[in-house]
Amino acid sequence: MPHDSFMLDGASLESVRTTSEVTVSELTNLSWSFAKLHLLDETLFDSLASRSLMRLNEFQAQNCSNMAWALARVAVENEPLLAALSSRSIPLISMSAFNPQDLTNTVWALATMRRQDMPLLAAIASASISKLQECKPQDLSNTAWAFAKLVVADIPLMEAIASESLPRLSVFDPQNHANLAWAFATLRVSDLPLLDAIAVESVANMKQFGPQELSNPAWAFANLLYVNAPLLYALASKAITTLRSGSTQNLTNTVWAFAQIKFKNNTLFNSLAKEVVANLSAFRPRDISI
């Protein structure tokens, strides 16, 4: 995230709105700060976008990634600026100017805005492979998640993420495990050593799993027709204790997953049935018909 500090105060906002004496880092850091706080000032973002376009040739890697991340965070799809950011980012990426965090933030932004920018995604995938050893667990899982969200199956990248993640899974948190499993399942990339390791780590850390961390791996393993009995028993036992705190989507994903791989657990299904009946009005027709 931004290394340069930039104070969020009335004077700062006024300076951006009324003067041109503002640095590129201040433009992007202010955008990042407002986005981080989920504050969408349309007039301000219009001004930031306009000034950014005029000075895009001054943007460096972090400026590009911070601006893309900010736009995605507040759902501002400024097409001219996004296209210009893409054009500016690609050569910077090819020169290895983007660090792992810059790459992750940029691909996260594309996925969040559902922008299947293939030239930019290809550049990110190629650059990411050579930098995976520098990535944090969250960067690895988020990169996989982003490509899966965009349904872009870059096999060399996914294989590299699997290889890099495998020896480090013990330091992944449940959300990282869930995102990684979901990404590989969504792209139909079945890496058995990785799946085995995720299953082992998931069982060991099941106490930390919430409804989302339960339903995503259950859906992912079922989607790949991957059956791991210790994991399934652990998921079933934990799911029973979290049914009331999960969403209807969590419930339907869990039901579908166990049915898909024909894993029968009467205690779980009886508990699921009671929860569905008690909350039937909250379910969509498509959820009930799975």
Protein backbone atom coordinates (compact mmCIF):
# COMPACT_ATOMS: atom_id res chain seq x y z
CA MET A 1 0.00 0.00 0.00
CA PRO A 2 1.12 3.62 -0.19
CA HIS A 3 4.55 4.35 1.27
CA ASP A 4 4.15 8.13 1.09
CA SER A 5 1.98 9.77 3.71
CA PHE A 6 -0.86 12.09 2.73
CA MET A 7 -3.14 13.69 5.28
CA LEU A 8 -6.89 13.36 4.81
CA ASP A 9 -8.21 16.78 5.75
CA GLY A 10 -10.29 19.55 4.26
CA ALA A 11 -7.27 21.42 2.98
CA SER A 12 -6.02 18.34 1.17
CA LEU A 13 -9.34 17.85 -0.60
CA GLU A 14 -9.52 21.50 -1.56
CA SER A 15 -6.00 21.43 -2.95
CA VAL A 16 -6.88 18.60 -5.32
CA ARG A 17 -10.10 20.25 -6.41
CA THR A 18 -8.71 23.71 -7.05
CA THR A 19 -4.99 23.52 -7.87
CA SER A 20 -2.65 21.62 -10.09
CA GLU A 21 0.19 21.73 -7.55
CA VAL A 22 -0.19 18.16 -6.38
CA THR A 23 2.20 15.27 -6.90
CA VAL A 24 1.34 12.02 -8.61
CA SER A 25 1.86 10.17 -5.33
CA GLU A 26 -0.58 12.52 -3.63
CA LEU A 27 -3.16 11.85 -6.34
CA THR A 28 -2.93 8.09 -5.99
CA ASN A 29 -2.51 8.04 -2.22
CA LEU A 30 -5.55 10.23 -1.73
CA SER A 31 -7.55 7.92 -4.00
CA TRP A 32 -6.30 4.90 -2.03
CA SER A 33 -7.12 6.53 1.32
CA PHE A 34 -10.69 7.41 0.40
CA ALA A 35 -11.23 3.97 -1.10
CA LYS A 36 -9.79 2.28 1.99
CA LEU A 37 -12.40 4.11 4.06
CA HIS A 38 -15.17 3.30 1.54
CA LEU A 39 -15.73 7.02 1.02
CA LEU A 40 -16.95 7.83 -2.48
CA ASP A 41 -16.85 11.55 -3.23
CA GLU A 42 -17.83 11.56 -6.91
CA THR A 43 -16.61 15.11 -7.51
CA LEU A 44 -13.28 14.31 -5.92
CA PHE A 45 -12.81 11.08 -7.87
CA ASP A 46 -13.75 12.81 -11.13
CA SER A 47 -11.07 15.40 -10.40
CA LEU A 48 -8.53 12.73 -9.45
CA ALA A 49 -9.28 10.77 -12.61
CA SER A 50 -8.98 13.82 -14.82
CA ARG A 51 -5.67 14.87 -13.31
CA SER A 52 -4.36 11.32 -13.40
CA LEU A 53 -5.08 11.01 -17.10
CA MET A 54 -3.18 14.23 -17.79
CA ARG A 55 -0.13 13.00 -15.88
CA LEU A 56 -0.24 9.27 -16.50
CA ASN A 57 3.21 9.28 -18.08
CA GLU A 58 4.55 10.15 -14.61
CA PHE A 59 2.88 7.13 -12.98
CA GLN A 60 5.18 4.48 -11.60
CA ALA A 61 4.25 0.93 -10.63
CA GLN A 62 2.81 1.67 -7.21
CA ASN A 63 0.87 4.65 -8.54
CA CYS A 64 -0.77 2.43 -11.15
CA SER A 65 -1.63 -0.37 -8.75
CA ASN A 66 -2.92 1.95 -6.02
CA MET A 67 -5.16 3.82 -8.43
CA ALA A 68 -6.55 0.61 -9.93
CA TRP A 69 -7.16 -0.80 -6.45
CA ALA A 70 -8.90 2.41 -5.34
CA LEU A 71 -11.21 2.52 -8.36
CA ALA A 72 -12.21 -1.10 -7.80
CA ARG A 73 -12.74 -0.61 -4.08
CA VAL A 74 -15.29 2.18 -4.58
CA ALA A 75 -16.68 0.69 -7.83
CA VAL A 76 -15.73 3.64 -10.03
CA GLU A 77 -15.36 2.26 -13.54
CA ASN A 78 -13.80 5.20 -15.35
CA GLU A 79 -13.14 3.58 -18.72
CA PRO A 80 -10.63 6.13 -20.09
CA LEU A 81 -8.56 6.00 -16.90
CA LEU A 82 -8.73 2.21 -16.60
CA ALA A 83 -7.65 1.78 -20.22
CA ALA A 84 -4.82 4.26 -19.73
CA LEU A 85 -3.70 2.54 -16.53
CA SER A 86 -3.59 -0.76 -18.39
CA SER A 87 -1.48 0.71 -21.18
CA ARG A 88 0.87 2.32 -18.68
CA SER A 89 1.12 -0.78 -16.47
CA ILE A 90 2.01 -3.36 -19.12
CA PRO A 91 5.45 -1.95 -20.04
CA LEU A 92 6.22 -1.27 -16.37
CA ILE A 93 5.37 -4.88 -15.54
CA SER A 94 7.55 -6.13 -18.38
CA MET A 95 10.44 -4.12 -16.89
CA SER A 96 9.87 -5.85 -13.50
CA ALA A 97 8.87 -2.55 -11.92
CA PHE A 98 5.82 -4.08 -10.22
CA ASN A 99 6.52 -5.82 -6.93
CA PRO A 100 4.35 -8.76 -5.74
CA GLN A 101 1.95 -6.46 -3.85
CA ASP A 102 1.53 -4.22 -6.93
CA LEU A 103 0.77 -7.25 -9.08
CA THR A 104 -1.71 -8.67 -6.56
CA ASN A 105 -3.50 -5.36 -6.06
CA THR A 106 -3.84 -4.87 -9.81
CA VAL A 107 -5.21 -8.30 -10.57
CA TRP A 108 -7.53 -8.04 -7.55
CA ALA A 109 -8.86 -4.79 -9.00
CA LEU A 110 -9.46 -6.38 -12.40
CA ALA A 111 -11.30 -9.31 -10.81
CA THR A 112 -13.40 -7.07 -8.58
CA MET A 113 -14.47 -4.98 -11.57
CA ARG A 114 -14.80 -8.12 -13.72
CA ARG A 115 -12.47 -6.66 -16.35
CA GLN A 116 -11.03 -9.44 -18.47
CA ASP A 117 -8.15 -7.34 -19.78
CA MET A 118 -6.20 -10.15 -21.43
CA PRO A 119 -3.00 -8.24 -22.36
CA LEU A 120 -2.69 -6.92 -18.80
CA LEU A 121 -3.58 -10.31 -17.28
CA ALA A 122 -0.96 -12.02 -19.44
CA ALA A 123 1.67 -9.54 -18.28
CA ILE A 124 0.66 -10.01 -14.64
CA ALA A 125 0.71 -13.82 -14.94
CA SER A 126 4.16 -13.85 -16.53
CA ALA A 127 5.63 -11.43 -14.01
CA SER A 128 3.97 -13.12 -11.03
CA ILE A 129 5.54 -16.50 -11.77
CA SER A 130 9.03 -15.09 -11.27
CA LYS A 131 8.05 -13.30 -8.04
CA LEU A 132 5.99 -15.95 -6.24
CA GLN A 133 8.77 -16.71 -3.76
CA GLU A 134 8.43 -13.12 -2.52
CA CYS A 135 4.65 -13.37 -2.14
CA LYS A 136 2.85 -13.59 1.17
CA PRO A 137 0.25 -16.36 1.58
CA GLN A 138 -2.54 -13.83 1.01
CA ASP A 139 -0.91 -12.66 -2.23
CA LEU A 140 -0.73 -16.25 -3.50
CA SER A 141 -4.33 -17.06 -2.68
CA ASN A 142 -5.64 -13.69 -3.88
CA THR A 143 -3.84 -14.02 -7.22
CA ALA A 144 -5.31 -17.47 -7.76
CA TRP A 145 -8.73 -16.18 -6.67
CA ALA A 146 -8.57 -13.23 -9.08
CA PHE A 147 -7.71 -15.32 -12.15
CA ALA A 148 -10.46 -17.78 -11.21
CA LYS A 149 -12.96 -14.96 -10.70
CA LEU A 150 -12.21 -13.82 -14.25
CA VAL A 151 -12.28 -17.43 -15.50
CA VAL A 152 -8.79 -17.08 -16.94
CA ALA A 153 -7.02 -20.42 -16.60
CA ASP A 154 -3.36 -19.54 -16.94
CA ILE A 155 -2.04 -23.04 -16.31
CA PRO A 156 1.68 -22.12 -15.89
CA LEU A 157 0.68 -19.54 -13.27
CA MET A 158 -1.67 -21.89 -11.41
CA GLU A 159 0.94 -24.65 -11.40
CA ALA A 160 3.53 -22.21 -10.09
CA ILE A 161 1.15 -21.01 -7.36
CA ALA A 162 0.50 -24.63 -6.37
CA SER A 163 4.24 -25.39 -6.19
CA GLU A 164 4.98 -22.28 -4.15
CA SER A 165 2.00 -22.72 -1.81
CA LEU A 166 2.50 -26.40 -1.07
CA PRO A 167 5.46 -26.14 1.35
CA ARG A 168 3.99 -23.02 2.99
CA LEU A 169 0.39 -24.11 3.62
CA SER A 170 0.98 -24.38 7.35
CA VAL A 171 1.19 -20.58 7.54
CA PHE A 172 -1.92 -19.98 5.40
CA ASP A 173 -5.00 -18.96 7.36
CA PRO A 174 -8.42 -20.60 6.74
CA GLN A 175 -9.46 -17.87 4.30
CA ASN A 176 -6.29 -18.38 2.26
CA HIS A 177 -6.96 -22.14 2.16
CA ALA A 178 -10.57 -21.55 1.13
CA ASN A 179 -9.68 -19.08 -1.62
CA LEU A 180 -6.95 -21.33 -2.99
CA ALA A 181 -9.21 -24.38 -3.08
CA TRP A 182 -12.05 -22.37 -4.64
CA ALA A 183 -9.76 -20.95 -7.34
CA PHE A 184 -8.36 -24.30 -8.44
CA ALA A 185 -11.83 -25.87 -8.45
CA THR A 186 -13.37 -22.98 -10.41
CA LEU A 187 -10.69 -23.28 -13.09
CA ARG A 188 -10.90 -27.09 -12.99
CA VAL A 189 -7.20 -27.38 -12.22
CA SER A 190 -6.82 -30.56 -10.17
CA ASP A 191 -3.45 -30.55 -8.41
CA LEU A 192 -3.64 -33.62 -6.16
CA PRO A 193 -0.59 -32.86 -3.97
CA LEU A 194 -1.98 -29.40 -3.28
CA LEU A 195 -5.49 -30.71 -2.59
CA ASP A 196 -4.12 -33.37 -0.24
CA ALA A 197 -2.10 -30.77 1.65
CA ILE A 198 -5.04 -28.34 1.89
CA ALA A 199 -7.18 -31.18 3.23
CA VAL A 200 -4.61 -32.04 5.91
CA GLU A 201 -4.18 -28.40 6.96
CA SER A 202 -7.95 -27.85 6.95
CA VAL A 203 -8.55 -30.77 9.30
CA ALA A 204 -5.78 -29.54 11.61
CA ASN A 205 -7.23 -26.03 11.74
CA MET A 206 -10.95 -26.82 11.58
CA LYS A 207 -11.63 -25.02 14.88
CA GLN A 208 -10.81 -21.71 13.17
CA PHE A 209 -13.22 -22.25 10.27
CA GLY A 210 -16.32 -20.12 9.95
CA PRO A 211 -19.28 -20.81 7.61
CA GLN A 212 -17.53 -19.32 4.56
CA GLU A 213 -14.29 -21.23 5.17
CA LEU A 214 -16.36 -24.42 5.45
CA SER A 215 -18.59 -24.06 2.41
CA ASN A 216 -15.91 -22.91 -0.05
CA PRO A 217 -13.58 -25.91 0.41
CA ALA A 218 -16.54 -28.29 0.53
CA TRP A 219 -17.79 -26.90 -2.79
CA ALA A 220 -14.27 -26.85 -4.26
CA PHE A 221 -13.38 -30.45 -3.42
CA ALA A 222 -16.78 -31.68 -4.59
CA ASN A 223 -16.46 -29.74 -7.85
CA LEU A 224 -13.22 -31.61 -8.54
CA LEU A 225 -14.76 -34.89 -7.31
CA TYR A 226 -11.99 -35.06 -4.74
CA VAL A 227 -12.90 -37.33 -1.82
CA ASN A 228 -10.96 -37.17 1.43
CA ALA A 229 -12.80 -38.96 4.22
CA PRO A 230 -11.02 -37.32 7.23
CA LEU A 231 -11.71 -33.90 5.74
CA LEU A 232 -15.36 -34.70 5.01
CA TYR A 233 -16.01 -35.95 8.53
CA ALA A 234 -14.31 -32.88 9.97
CA LEU A 235 -16.28 -30.54 7.68
CA ALA A 236 -19.54 -32.27 8.59
CA SER A 237 -18.90 -32.07 12.34
CA LYS A 238 -17.90 -28.41 12.17
CA ALA A 239 -20.74 -27.49 9.79
CA ILE A 240 -23.34 -28.68 12.29
CA THR A 241 -22.07 -26.16 14.85
CA THR A 242 -22.09 -23.21 12.42
CA LEU A 243 -25.35 -23.67 10.54
CA ARG A 244 -27.16 -20.77 12.18
CA SER A 245 -24.35 -18.31 11.56
CA GLY A 246 -23.99 -19.02 7.84
CA SER A 247 -25.78 -17.57 4.82
CA THR A 248 -28.27 -19.43 2.67
CA GLN A 249 -25.53 -19.68 0.04
CA ASN A 250 -23.24 -21.38 2.56
CA LEU A 251 -26.00 -23.87 3.36
CA THR A 252 -26.80 -24.71 -0.25
CA ASN A 253 -23.12 -25.03 -1.17
CA THR A 254 -22.60 -27.45 1.71
CA VAL A 255 -25.65 -29.54 0.79
CA TRP A 256 -24.63 -29.66 -2.86
CA ALA A 257 -21.02 -30.58 -2.03
CA PHE A 258 -21.87 -33.58 0.11
CA ALA A 259 -24.51 -34.74 -2.35
CA GLN A 260 -22.17 -34.32 -5.33
CA ILE A 261 -19.62 -36.76 -3.91
CA LYS A 262 -22.31 -39.02 -2.41
CA PHE A 263 -21.05 -38.59 1.14
CA LYS A 264 -23.94 -39.40 3.46
CA ASN A 265 -23.90 -38.01 6.97
CA ASN A 266 -27.34 -38.33 8.57
CA THR A 267 -26.58 -36.02 11.48
CA LEU A 268 -25.45 -33.23 9.15
CA PHE A 269 -28.31 -33.63 6.69
CA ASN A 270 -30.93 -33.74 9.45
CA SER A 271 -29.48 -30.55 10.92
CA LEU A 272 -29.35 -28.93 7.48
CA ALA A 273 -32.96 -29.91 6.78
CA LYS A 274 -34.15 -28.31 10.03
CA GLU A 275 -32.22 -25.12 9.30
CA VAL A 276 -33.60 -24.90 5.75
CA VAL A 277 -37.19 -25.40 6.95
CA ALA A 278 -36.74 -22.77 9.67
CA ASN A 279 -35.40 -20.21 7.17
CA LEU A 280 -37.23 -21.23 3.99
CA SER A 281 -38.40 -17.69 3.19
CA ALA A 282 -34.77 -16.52 2.95
CA PHE A 283 -33.88 -19.00 0.21
CA ARG A 284 -34.06 -18.24 -3.49
CA PRO A 285 -35.87 -20.76 -5.70
CA ARG A 286 -32.58 -21.73 -7.35
CA ASP A 287 -31.11 -22.55 -3.92
CA ILE A 288 -33.99 -24.84 -3.01
CA SER A 289 -33.86 -26.70 -6.34
CA ILE A 290 -30.18 -27.70 -6.26
